[in-house]
Amino acid sequence: MHFVEARGILNGSGSYLGMNIYRGCTHGCIYCDSRSTCYRFTHPFEDIEVKQNAPELLEKALRSKRKKCMIGTGAMSDPYMHCETQLRLTRKCLEIIHKYGFGAAIQTKSDRILDDIDLIDRINRASKCVVQMALTTYDDELCHIIEPNVCDTKRRIEVLRQMQERGIPTVVWLSPILPFINDTEDNISTILNECVKAGVKAVICFGMGVTLREGDREYFYAALDRHFHGLRERYIKRYGNAYELPSPDSAALMGLFRKICSENGIIYEPRKCFEYIAEFPGKEDEEPVQMSLF
């Protein structure tokens, strides 16, 4: 990893602001879109760029912001990669979020988030904290192939359960579903039924498939050559260089997804999922109403 002095930490506007403390990732997921050349990495993806002044930048930004909102992290780089154990920058930023009364939305694949469950609990009690966990396959052996350097799905489900025990709301990203690899009814139904048991509030799924771009595609195909003999050729024959690669069984799998979610009161329409994540509770920051005697 290497360290940089960032010029800013927050992006976006309105009721939801995003931050990425790190750039790159060490989880090694074979399908990671963040590897795509469009993101203009000037260093190897596993050589994590650390925004070492992230807490100072965040405190400066939140101290001067009158209206409270949700602060999200993890959209581009997981905030609980291996280096977080040593650096604790994510925790420092969460402490600042709590200090100034903002909410947090954390997206991860890692059980390292449990190191901060005490702080997450405090943020959620004071305002709101949503923990978002990505789940792809219930098969541990397959999980270690497609997501080699991070805890398996069963451990992530345990994280969801521990969050549930404290009343911390959770959202699952059911993504990606890789054609001919994890696009089975058994996999989808098993993951969703575990989400039901864990009291998940919402499940985000844009479709049963994967997206590939330049940079990401080459890395993914090299992984197929190593672990799934002949599958690369099958992908090329069916999809060519397409950006969206839907599963051949996408329609049936999406029907199953909607059925299980709707029957169990889980939010599943993407717009409503994001509205829930971005909604900051309370009206304490609104201008006071001027009462009239007349």
C-alpha atoms as a PDB file:
ATOM      1  CA  MET A   1       0.000   0.000   0.000  1.00  0.00           C
ATOM      2  CA  HIS A   2       0.990   3.628  -0.393  1.00  0.00           C
ATOM      3  CA  PHE A   3      -0.191   6.849   1.204  1.00  0.00           C
ATOM      4  CA  VAL A   4      -1.516  10.048  -0.357  1.00  0.00           C
ATOM      5  CA  GLU A   5      -2.793  13.384   0.877  1.00  0.00           C
ATOM      6  CA  ALA A   6      -6.281  13.711  -0.610  1.00  0.00           C
ATOM      7  CA  ARG A   7      -7.805  17.076  -1.491  1.00  0.00           C
ATOM      8  CA  GLY A   8     -11.343  15.995  -0.656  1.00  0.00           C
ATOM      9  CA  ILE A   9     -13.180  13.021   0.802  1.00  0.00           C
ATOM     10  CA  LEU A  10     -16.918  13.497   0.181  1.00  0.00           C
ATOM     11  CA  ASN A  11     -18.764  13.371  -3.132  1.00  0.00           C
ATOM     12  CA  GLY A  12     -22.404  13.768  -4.080  1.00  0.00           C
ATOM     13  CA  SER A  13     -25.015  16.186  -2.843  1.00  0.00           C
ATOM     14  CA  GLY A  14     -28.299  16.342  -0.988  1.00  0.00           C
ATOM     15  CA  SER A  15     -29.304  13.717   1.576  1.00  0.00           C
ATOM     16  CA  TYR A  16     -26.540  11.202   0.736  1.00  0.00           C
ATOM     17  CA  LEU A  17     -22.793  11.755   0.450  1.00  0.00           C
ATOM     18  CA  GLY A  18     -20.228   9.112  -0.445  1.00  0.00           C
ATOM     19  CA  MET A  19     -16.620   8.643   0.579  1.00  0.00           C
ATOM     20  CA  ASN A  20     -13.861   6.227  -0.354  1.00  0.00           C
ATOM     21  CA  ILE A  21     -10.994   6.076   2.114  1.00  0.00           C
ATOM     22  CA  TYR A  22      -9.054   3.564   0.027  1.00  0.00           C
ATOM     23  CA  ARG A  23      -8.519   2.935  -3.706  1.00  0.00           C
ATOM     24  CA  GLY A  24      -7.932  -0.601  -4.914  1.00  0.00           C
ATOM     25  CA  CYS A  25      -8.674  -3.838  -3.074  1.00  0.00           C
ATOM     26  CA  THR A  26      -6.994  -6.975  -1.741  1.00  0.00           C
ATOM     27  CA  HIS A  27     -10.056  -9.240  -1.676  1.00  0.00           C
ATOM     28  CA  GLY A  28      -9.248 -10.626  -5.136  1.00  0.00           C
ATOM     29  CA  CYS A  29     -12.830 -11.075  -6.405  1.00  0.00           C
ATOM     30  CA  ILE A  30     -12.536 -12.322  -9.972  1.00  0.00           C
ATOM     31  CA  TYR A  31     -15.375 -10.144 -11.314  1.00  0.00           C
ATOM     32  CA  CYS A  32     -14.538  -6.784  -9.661  1.00  0.00           C
ATOM     33  CA  ASP A  33     -15.784  -3.869 -11.776  1.00  0.00           C
ATOM     34  CA  SER A  34     -13.452  -1.475  -9.947  1.00  0.00           C
ATOM     35  CA  ARG A  35     -10.569  -2.980 -11.946  1.00  0.00           C
ATOM     36  CA  SER A  36     -12.010  -1.464 -15.132  1.00  0.00           C
ATOM     37  CA  THR A  37      -9.708   0.896 -17.000  1.00  0.00           C
ATOM     38  CA  CYS A  38     -12.366   3.630 -16.954  1.00  0.00           C
ATOM     39  CA  TYR A  39     -11.450   4.287 -13.301  1.00  0.00           C
ATOM     40  CA  ARG A  40      -7.914   5.269 -14.371  1.00  0.00           C
ATOM     41  CA  PHE A  41      -5.827   3.516 -11.795  1.00  0.00           C
ATOM     42  CA  THR A  42      -2.204   4.642 -12.043  1.00  0.00           C
ATOM     43  CA  HIS A  43      -0.961   1.925  -9.688  1.00  0.00           C
ATOM     44  CA  PRO A  44      -1.500  -1.855  -9.379  1.00  0.00           C
ATOM     45  CA  PHE A  45      -4.992  -2.596  -8.084  1.00  0.00           C
ATOM     46  CA  GLU A  46      -3.698  -4.535  -5.056  1.00  0.00           C
ATOM     47  CA  ASP A  47      -1.309  -1.709  -4.113  1.00  0.00           C
ATOM     48  CA  ILE A  48      -3.872   0.077  -1.985  1.00  0.00           C
ATOM     49  CA  GLU A  49      -3.922   3.849  -2.164  1.00  0.00           C
ATOM     50  CA  VAL A  50      -4.592   5.130   1.351  1.00  0.00           C
ATOM     51  CA  LYS A  51      -6.068   8.593   1.837  1.00  0.00           C
ATOM     52  CA  GLN A  52      -4.231   9.085   5.093  1.00  0.00           C
ATOM     53  CA  ASN A  53      -5.839  12.463   5.818  1.00  0.00           C
ATOM     54  CA  ALA A  54      -9.395  11.147   5.304  1.00  0.00           C
ATOM     55  CA  PRO A  55     -10.460  11.654   8.961  1.00  0.00           C
ATOM     56  CA  GLU A  56      -9.223  15.255   8.998  1.00  0.00           C
ATOM     57  CA  LEU A  57     -10.980  16.026   5.707  1.00  0.00           C
ATOM     58  CA  LEU A  58     -14.187  14.396   6.902  1.00  0.00           C
ATOM     59  CA  GLU A  59     -14.191  16.293  10.196  1.00  0.00           C
ATOM     60  CA  LYS A  60     -13.659  19.596   8.412  1.00  0.00           C
ATOM     61  CA  ALA A  61     -16.516  18.853   6.012  1.00  0.00           C
ATOM     62  CA  LEU A  62     -19.015  17.669   8.636  1.00  0.00           C
ATOM     63  CA  ARG A  63     -18.186  20.391  11.138  1.00  0.00           C
ATOM     64  CA  SER A  64     -19.291  23.033   8.650  1.00  0.00           C
ATOM     65  CA  LYS A  65     -22.346  21.174   7.343  1.00  0.00           C
ATOM     66  CA  ARG A  66     -25.555  22.300   9.030  1.00  0.00           C
ATOM     67  CA  LYS A  67     -27.991  19.724   7.627  1.00  0.00           C
ATOM     68  CA  LYS A  68     -27.398  16.136   8.690  1.00  0.00           C
ATOM     69  CA  CYS A  69     -27.469  13.322   6.134  1.00  0.00           C
ATOM     70  CA  MET A  70     -26.256   9.793   5.441  1.00  0.00           C
ATOM     71  CA  ILE A  71     -22.550   9.230   4.716  1.00  0.00           C
ATOM     72  CA  GLY A  72     -21.907   6.155   2.591  1.00  0.00           C
ATOM     73  CA  THR A  73     -18.684   4.214   2.114  1.00  0.00           C
ATOM     74  CA  GLY A  74     -17.674   1.090   0.203  1.00  0.00           C
ATOM     75  CA  ALA A  75     -19.117   1.750  -3.249  1.00  0.00           C
ATOM     76  CA  MET A  76     -15.721   1.572  -4.995  1.00  0.00           C
ATOM     77  CA  SER A  77     -13.333   0.027  -2.455  1.00  0.00           C
ATOM     78  CA  ASP A  78     -14.206  -2.105   0.544  1.00  0.00           C
ATOM     79  CA  PRO A  79     -13.654  -0.105   3.748  1.00  0.00           C
ATOM     80  CA  TYR A  80     -12.759  -3.310   5.636  1.00  0.00           C
ATOM     81  CA  MET A  81      -9.893  -4.637   3.550  1.00  0.00           C
ATOM     82  CA  HIS A  82      -6.891  -6.248   5.242  1.00  0.00           C
ATOM     83  CA  CYS A  83      -5.104  -2.911   5.769  1.00  0.00           C
ATOM     84  CA  GLU A  84      -8.007  -1.562   7.851  1.00  0.00           C
ATOM     85  CA  THR A  85      -6.965  -3.884  10.698  1.00  0.00           C
ATOM     86  CA  GLN A  86      -3.722  -1.931  10.942  1.00  0.00           C
ATOM     87  CA  LEU A  87      -4.763   1.579   9.881  1.00  0.00           C
ATOM     88  CA  ARG A  88      -8.278   1.860  11.409  1.00  0.00           C
ATOM     89  CA  LEU A  89      -9.164   4.781   9.135  1.00  0.00           C
ATOM     90  CA  THR A  90     -12.699   3.519   8.618  1.00  0.00           C
ATOM     91  CA  ARG A  91     -13.255   3.426  12.361  1.00  0.00           C
ATOM     92  CA  LYS A  92     -11.805   6.926  12.763  1.00  0.00           C
ATOM     93  CA  CYS A  93     -14.204   8.218  10.106  1.00  0.00           C
ATOM     94  CA  LEU A  94     -17.155   6.459  11.754  1.00  0.00           C
ATOM     95  CA  GLU A  95     -16.216   8.086  15.055  1.00  0.00           C
ATOM     96  CA  ILE A  96     -16.368  11.490  13.361  1.00  0.00           C
ATOM     97  CA  ILE A  97     -19.719  10.654  11.764  1.00  0.00           C
ATOM     98  CA  HIS A  98     -21.031   9.765  15.219  1.00  0.00           C
ATOM     99  CA  LYS A  99     -19.488  12.852  16.812  1.00  0.00           C
ATOM    100  CA  TYR A 100     -21.351  15.203  14.481  1.00  0.00           C
ATOM    101  CA  GLY A 101     -24.647  13.301  14.473  1.00  0.00           C
ATOM    102  CA  PHE A 102     -24.666  12.042  10.887  1.00  0.00           C
ATOM    103  CA  GLY A 103     -25.834   8.640   9.669  1.00  0.00           C
ATOM    104  CA  ALA A 104     -23.724   5.967   7.973  1.00  0.00           C
ATOM    105  CA  ALA A 105     -24.228   3.399   5.212  1.00  0.00           C
ATOM    106  CA  ILE A 106     -21.403   0.859   5.025  1.00  0.00           C
ATOM    107  CA  GLN A 107     -20.928  -1.571   2.125  1.00  0.00           C
ATOM    108  CA  THR A 108     -18.551  -4.521   2.623  1.00  0.00           C
ATOM    109  CA  LYS A 109     -17.875  -8.224   2.123  1.00  0.00           C
ATOM    110  CA  SER A 110     -15.715  -8.548   5.222  1.00  0.00           C
ATOM    111  CA  ASP A 111     -16.403  -9.770   8.737  1.00  0.00           C
ATOM    112  CA  ARG A 112     -13.829  -7.223   9.943  1.00  0.00           C
ATOM    113  CA  ILE A 113     -16.818  -4.916  10.252  1.00  0.00           C
ATOM    114  CA  LEU A 114     -17.592  -6.753  13.499  1.00  0.00           C
ATOM    115  CA  ASP A 115     -14.564  -5.020  15.032  1.00  0.00           C
ATOM    116  CA  ASP A 116     -16.640  -1.830  14.863  1.00  0.00           C
ATOM    117  CA  ILE A 117     -20.058  -3.215  15.771  1.00  0.00           C
ATOM    118  CA  ASP A 118     -20.018  -1.259  19.029  1.00  0.00           C
ATOM    119  CA  LEU A 119     -19.531   2.025  17.185  1.00  0.00           C
ATOM    120  CA  ILE A 120     -22.017   1.084  14.458  1.00  0.00           C
ATOM    121  CA  ASP A 121     -24.558   0.334  17.188  1.00  0.00           C
ATOM    122  CA  ARG A 122     -24.008   3.772  18.735  1.00  0.00           C
ATOM    123  CA  ILE A 123     -24.424   5.532  15.390  1.00  0.00           C
ATOM    124  CA  ASN A 124     -27.610   3.599  14.702  1.00  0.00           C
ATOM    125  CA  ARG A 125     -29.070   4.456  18.102  1.00  0.00           C
ATOM    126  CA  ALA A 126     -28.246   8.140  17.679  1.00  0.00           C
ATOM    127  CA  SER A 127     -29.358   8.441  14.039  1.00  0.00           C
ATOM    128  CA  LYS A 128     -29.095   5.563  11.561  1.00  0.00           C
ATOM    129  CA  CYS A 129     -26.494   3.097  10.335  1.00  0.00           C
ATOM    130  CA  VAL A 130     -27.182   0.644   7.512  1.00  0.00           C
ATOM    131  CA  VAL A 131     -24.815  -2.276   6.961  1.00  0.00           C
ATOM    132  CA  GLN A 132     -24.744  -3.558   3.377  1.00  0.00           C
ATOM    133  CA  MET A 133     -23.279  -6.996   2.704  1.00  0.00           C
ATOM    134  CA  ALA A 134     -22.601  -8.502  -0.737  1.00  0.00           C
ATOM    135  CA  LEU A 135     -23.598 -12.160  -1.171  1.00  0.00           C
ATOM    136  CA  THR A 136     -22.982 -14.151  -4.349  1.00  0.00           C
ATOM    137  CA  THR A 137     -22.832 -17.877  -3.672  1.00  0.00           C
ATOM    138  CA  TYR A 138     -23.771 -20.084  -0.726  1.00  0.00           C
ATOM    139  CA  ASP A 139     -21.234 -22.717  -1.794  1.00  0.00           C
ATOM    140  CA  ASP A 140     -18.103 -22.205   0.350  1.00  0.00           C
ATOM    141  CA  GLU A 141     -15.775 -23.923  -2.116  1.00  0.00           C
ATOM    142  CA  LEU A 142     -17.044 -21.795  -4.990  1.00  0.00           C
ATOM    143  CA  CYS A 143     -16.912 -18.677  -2.819  1.00  0.00           C
ATOM    144  CA  HIS A 144     -13.195 -19.226  -2.158  1.00  0.00           C
ATOM    145  CA  ILE A 145     -12.621 -19.375  -5.922  1.00  0.00           C
ATOM    146  CA  ILE A 146     -14.536 -16.280  -7.011  1.00  0.00           C
ATOM    147  CA  GLU A 147     -13.847 -14.223  -3.828  1.00  0.00           C
ATOM    148  CA  PRO A 148     -10.561 -15.769  -2.642  1.00  0.00           C
ATOM    149  CA  ASN A 149      -9.282 -13.343   0.008  1.00  0.00           C
ATOM    150  CA  VAL A 150     -12.414 -12.578   1.997  1.00  0.00           C
ATOM    151  CA  CYS A 151     -14.664 -14.502   4.388  1.00  0.00           C
ATOM    152  CA  ASP A 152     -17.224 -16.872   2.887  1.00  0.00           C
ATOM    153  CA  THR A 153     -20.962 -16.312   2.587  1.00  0.00           C
ATOM    154  CA  LYS A 154     -21.901 -18.232   5.725  1.00  0.00           C
ATOM    155  CA  ARG A 155     -19.656 -15.965   7.776  1.00  0.00           C
ATOM    156  CA  ARG A 156     -21.185 -12.893   6.138  1.00  0.00           C
ATOM    157  CA  ILE A 157     -24.638 -14.187   7.041  1.00  0.00           C
ATOM    158  CA  GLU A 158     -23.420 -14.497  10.628  1.00  0.00           C
ATOM    159  CA  VAL A 159     -22.443 -10.820  10.430  1.00  0.00           C
ATOM    160  CA  LEU A 160     -25.981  -9.997   9.296  1.00  0.00           C
ATOM    161  CA  ARG A 161     -27.401 -11.960  12.224  1.00  0.00           C
ATOM    162  CA  GLN A 162     -25.213 -10.154  14.733  1.00  0.00           C
ATOM    163  CA  MET A 163     -26.337  -6.838  13.302  1.00  0.00           C
ATOM    164  CA  GLN A 164     -29.969  -7.989  13.569  1.00  0.00           C
ATOM    165  CA  GLU A 165     -29.482  -8.850  17.252  1.00  0.00           C
ATOM    166  CA  ARG A 166     -28.571  -5.206  17.906  1.00  0.00           C
ATOM    167  CA  GLY A 167     -31.355  -3.786  15.759  1.00  0.00           C
ATOM    168  CA  ILE A 168     -28.937  -2.510  13.106  1.00  0.00           C
ATOM    169  CA  PRO A 169     -30.667  -2.527   9.683  1.00  0.00           C
ATOM    170  CA  THR A 170     -29.043  -4.560   6.924  1.00  0.00           C
ATOM    171  CA  VAL A 171     -29.199  -4.603   3.140  1.00  0.00           C
ATOM    172  CA  VAL A 172     -27.848  -7.364   0.900  1.00  0.00           C
ATOM    173  CA  TRP A 173     -26.387  -6.908  -2.573  1.00  0.00           C
ATOM    174  CA  LEU A 174     -27.238 -10.080  -4.503  1.00  0.00           C
ATOM    175  CA  SER A 175     -24.580  -9.477  -7.097  1.00  0.00           C
ATOM    176  CA  PRO A 176     -23.039 -10.560  -9.343  1.00  0.00           C
ATOM    177  CA  ILE A 177     -24.711 -13.726 -10.514  1.00  0.00           C
ATOM    178  CA  LEU A 178     -22.203 -15.277 -12.912  1.00  0.00           C
ATOM    179  CA  PRO A 179     -23.662 -17.152 -15.888  1.00  0.00           C
ATOM    180  CA  PHE A 180     -23.004 -20.911 -15.765  1.00  0.00           C
ATOM    181  CA  ILE A 181     -21.335 -20.558 -12.322  1.00  0.00           C
ATOM    182  CA  ASN A 182     -23.706 -19.450  -9.554  1.00  0.00           C
ATOM    183  CA  ASP A 183     -26.886 -18.767 -11.548  1.00  0.00           C
ATOM    184  CA  THR A 184     -28.979 -21.592 -10.097  1.00  0.00           C
ATOM    185  CA  GLU A 185     -32.364 -21.588  -8.387  1.00  0.00           C
ATOM    186  CA  ASP A 186     -30.880 -23.471  -5.447  1.00  0.00           C
ATOM    187  CA  ASN A 187     -28.204 -20.817  -4.907  1.00  0.00           C
ATOM    188  CA  ILE A 188     -30.599 -17.874  -5.205  1.00  0.00           C
ATOM    189  CA  SER A 189     -33.306 -19.378  -3.003  1.00  0.00           C
ATOM    190  CA  THR A 190     -30.833 -20.511  -0.323  1.00  0.00           C
ATOM    191  CA  ILE A 191     -29.222 -17.058  -0.050  1.00  0.00           C
ATOM    192  CA  LEU A 192     -32.597 -15.305   0.043  1.00  0.00           C
ATOM    193  CA  ASN A 193     -34.002 -17.665   2.668  1.00  0.00           C
ATOM    194  CA  GLU A 194     -30.951 -16.929   4.815  1.00  0.00           C
ATOM    195  CA  CYS A 195     -31.658 -13.215   4.314  1.00  0.00           C
ATOM    196  CA  VAL A 196     -35.183 -13.803   5.604  1.00  0.00           C
ATOM    197  CA  LYS A 197     -33.861 -15.557   8.714  1.00  0.00           C
ATOM    198  CA  ALA A 198     -31.379 -12.738   9.312  1.00  0.00           C
ATOM    199  CA  GLY A 199     -34.089 -10.082   9.122  1.00  0.00           C
ATOM    200  CA  VAL A 200     -32.582  -8.288   6.131  1.00  0.00           C
ATOM    201  CA  LYS A 201     -34.445  -5.066   5.329  1.00  0.00           C
ATOM    202  CA  ALA A 202     -33.748  -4.955   1.574  1.00  0.00           C
ATOM    203  CA  VAL A 203     -32.014  -6.906  -1.184  1.00  0.00           C
ATOM    204  CA  ILE A 204     -30.517  -5.070  -4.163  1.00  0.00           C
ATOM    205  CA  CYS A 205     -30.386  -6.965  -7.446  1.00  0.00           C
ATOM    206  CA  PHE A 206     -30.265  -5.248 -10.832  1.00  0.00           C
ATOM    207  CA  GLY A 207     -30.559  -8.526 -12.715  1.00  0.00           C
ATOM    208  CA  MET A 208     -29.218 -12.059 -12.774  1.00  0.00           C
ATOM    209  CA  GLY A 209     -25.906 -11.613 -14.514  1.00  0.00           C
ATOM    210  CA  VAL A 210     -22.635  -9.716 -14.493  1.00  0.00           C
ATOM    211  CA  THR A 211     -21.190  -6.663 -16.231  1.00  0.00           C
ATOM    212  CA  LEU A 212     -17.722  -6.646 -17.806  1.00  0.00           C
ATOM    213  CA  ARG A 213     -15.644  -3.735 -19.051  1.00  0.00           C
ATOM    214  CA  GLU A 214     -12.120  -3.341 -20.359  1.00  0.00           C
ATOM    215  CA  GLY A 215      -9.664  -4.289 -17.630  1.00  0.00           C
ATOM    216  CA  ASP A 216     -12.290  -6.126 -15.599  1.00  0.00           C
ATOM    217  CA  ARG A 217     -13.073  -8.475 -18.522  1.00  0.00           C
ATOM    218  CA  GLU A 218      -9.464  -9.570 -19.024  1.00  0.00           C
ATOM    219  CA  TYR A 219      -8.963 -10.302 -15.325  1.00  0.00           C
ATOM    220  CA  PHE A 220     -12.226 -12.258 -15.175  1.00  0.00           C
ATOM    221  CA  TYR A 221     -11.415 -14.335 -18.255  1.00  0.00           C
ATOM    222  CA  ALA A 222      -7.957 -15.190 -16.903  1.00  0.00           C
ATOM    223  CA  ALA A 223      -9.648 -16.463 -13.741  1.00  0.00           C
ATOM    224  CA  LEU A 224     -12.035 -18.564 -15.834  1.00  0.00           C
ATOM    225  CA  ASP A 225      -9.038 -20.156 -17.556  1.00  0.00           C
ATOM    226  CA  ARG A 226      -7.536 -21.058 -14.167  1.00  0.00           C
ATOM    227  CA  HIS A 227     -10.649 -22.402 -12.474  1.00  0.00           C
ATOM    228  CA  PHE A 228     -13.367 -23.211 -15.057  1.00  0.00           C
ATOM    229  CA  HIS A 229     -11.865 -25.002 -18.045  1.00  0.00           C
ATOM    230  CA  GLY A 230     -13.557 -24.085 -21.328  1.00  0.00           C
ATOM    231  CA  LEU A 231     -15.911 -21.510 -19.816  1.00  0.00           C
ATOM    232  CA  ARG A 232     -14.087 -18.520 -21.273  1.00  0.00           C
ATOM    233  CA  GLU A 233     -14.810 -19.745 -24.793  1.00  0.00           C
ATOM    234  CA  ARG A 234     -18.462 -20.276 -23.858  1.00  0.00           C
ATOM    235  CA  TYR A 235     -18.698 -16.707 -22.601  1.00  0.00           C
ATOM    236  CA  ILE A 236     -17.078 -15.265 -25.730  1.00  0.00           C
ATOM    237  CA  LYS A 237     -19.323 -17.271 -28.010  1.00  0.00           C
ATOM    238  CA  ARG A 238     -22.506 -16.194 -26.218  1.00  0.00           C
ATOM    239  CA  TYR A 239     -21.698 -12.610 -25.194  1.00  0.00           C
ATOM    240  CA  GLY A 240     -18.790 -11.358 -27.279  1.00  0.00           C
ATOM    241  CA  ASN A 241     -17.581  -8.059 -25.781  1.00  0.00           C
ATOM    242  CA  ALA A 242     -20.972  -7.063 -24.368  1.00  0.00           C
ATOM    243  CA  TYR A 243     -21.117  -4.968 -21.211  1.00  0.00           C
ATOM    244  CA  GLU A 244     -24.146  -6.771 -19.777  1.00  0.00           C
ATOM    245  CA  LEU A 245     -23.978 -10.564 -19.542  1.00  0.00           C
ATOM    246  CA  PRO A 246     -27.350 -11.878 -18.347  1.00  0.00           C
ATOM    247  CA  SER A 247     -27.781 -15.449 -17.203  1.00  0.00           C
ATOM    248  CA  PRO A 248     -29.686 -17.633 -19.695  1.00  0.00           C
ATOM    249  CA  ASP A 249     -32.091 -18.265 -16.800  1.00  0.00           C
ATOM    250  CA  SER A 250     -32.373 -14.595 -15.829  1.00  0.00           C
ATOM    251  CA  ALA A 251     -36.166 -14.322 -16.211  1.00  0.00           C
ATOM    252  CA  ALA A 252     -36.912 -17.351 -14.033  1.00  0.00           C
ATOM    253  CA  LEU A 253     -34.340 -16.362 -11.412  1.00  0.00           C
ATOM    254  CA  MET A 254     -35.657 -12.793 -11.199  1.00  0.00           C
ATOM    255  CA  GLY A 255     -39.162 -14.203 -10.780  1.00  0.00           C
ATOM    256  CA  LEU A 256     -37.927 -16.351  -7.899  1.00  0.00           C
ATOM    257  CA  PHE A 257     -36.122 -13.356  -6.395  1.00  0.00           C
ATOM    258  CA  ARG A 258     -39.219 -11.135  -6.488  1.00  0.00           C
ATOM    259  CA  LYS A 259     -41.427 -13.914  -5.114  1.00  0.00           C
ATOM    260  CA  ILE A 260     -39.295 -14.669  -2.058  1.00  0.00           C
ATOM    261  CA  CYS A 261     -38.730 -10.984  -1.276  1.00  0.00           C
ATOM    262  CA  SER A 262     -42.372  -9.955  -1.661  1.00  0.00           C
ATOM    263  CA  GLU A 263     -43.638 -12.901   0.406  1.00  0.00           C
ATOM    264  CA  ASN A 264     -41.329 -11.951   3.261  1.00  0.00           C
ATOM    265  CA  GLY A 265     -41.695  -8.165   3.249  1.00  0.00           C
ATOM    266  CA  ILE A 266     -38.182  -7.495   1.930  1.00  0.00           C
ATOM    267  CA  ILE A 267     -37.715  -4.339  -0.137  1.00  0.00           C
ATOM    268  CA  TYR A 268     -36.357  -5.350  -3.537  1.00  0.00           C
ATOM    269  CA  GLU A 269     -37.067  -2.616  -6.086  1.00  0.00           C
ATOM    270  CA  PRO A 270     -33.690  -0.854  -6.542  1.00  0.00           C
ATOM    271  CA  ARG A 271     -35.164   2.657  -6.299  1.00  0.00           C
ATOM    272  CA  LYS A 272     -36.895   1.874  -3.011  1.00  0.00           C
ATOM    273  CA  CYS A 273     -33.767   0.156  -1.671  1.00  0.00           C
ATOM    274  CA  PHE A 274     -31.652   3.240  -2.317  1.00  0.00           C
ATOM    275  CA  GLU A 275     -34.340   5.531  -0.944  1.00  0.00           C
ATOM    276  CA  TYR A 276     -34.278   3.536   2.288  1.00  0.00           C
ATOM    277  CA  ILE A 277     -30.478   3.662   2.521  1.00  0.00           C
ATOM    278  CA  ALA A 278     -30.307   7.400   1.791  1.00  0.00           C
ATOM    279  CA  GLU A 279     -33.157   8.461   4.083  1.00  0.00           C
ATOM    280  CA  PHE A 280     -31.880  10.274   7.160  1.00  0.00           C
ATOM    281  CA  PRO A 281     -34.300  10.040  10.089  1.00  0.00           C
ATOM    282  CA  GLY A 282     -35.809  12.953  11.983  1.00  0.00           C
ATOM    283  CA  LYS A 283     -36.461  16.583  11.244  1.00  0.00           C
ATOM    284  CA  GLU A 284     -34.199  18.197  13.777  1.00  0.00           C
ATOM    285  CA  ASP A 285     -32.242  20.097  11.126  1.00  0.00           C
ATOM    286  CA  GLU A 286     -35.199  21.797   9.488  1.00  0.00           C
ATOM    287  CA  GLU A 287     -35.840  25.474  10.043  1.00  0.00           C
ATOM    288  CA  PRO A 288     -38.153  26.011  13.024  1.00  0.00           C
ATOM    289  CA  VAL A 289     -41.764  26.788  12.185  1.00  0.00           C
ATOM    290  CA  GLN A 290     -42.788  30.342  13.128  1.00  0.00           C
ATOM    291  CA  MET A 291     -46.073  30.144  15.030  1.00  0.00           C
ATOM    292  CA  SER A 292     -48.577  32.958  14.521  1.00  0.00           C
ATOM    293  CA  LEU A 293     -50.982  34.306  17.124  1.00  0.00           C
ATOM    294  CA  PHE A 294     -53.427  35.148  14.364  1.00  0.00           C
END
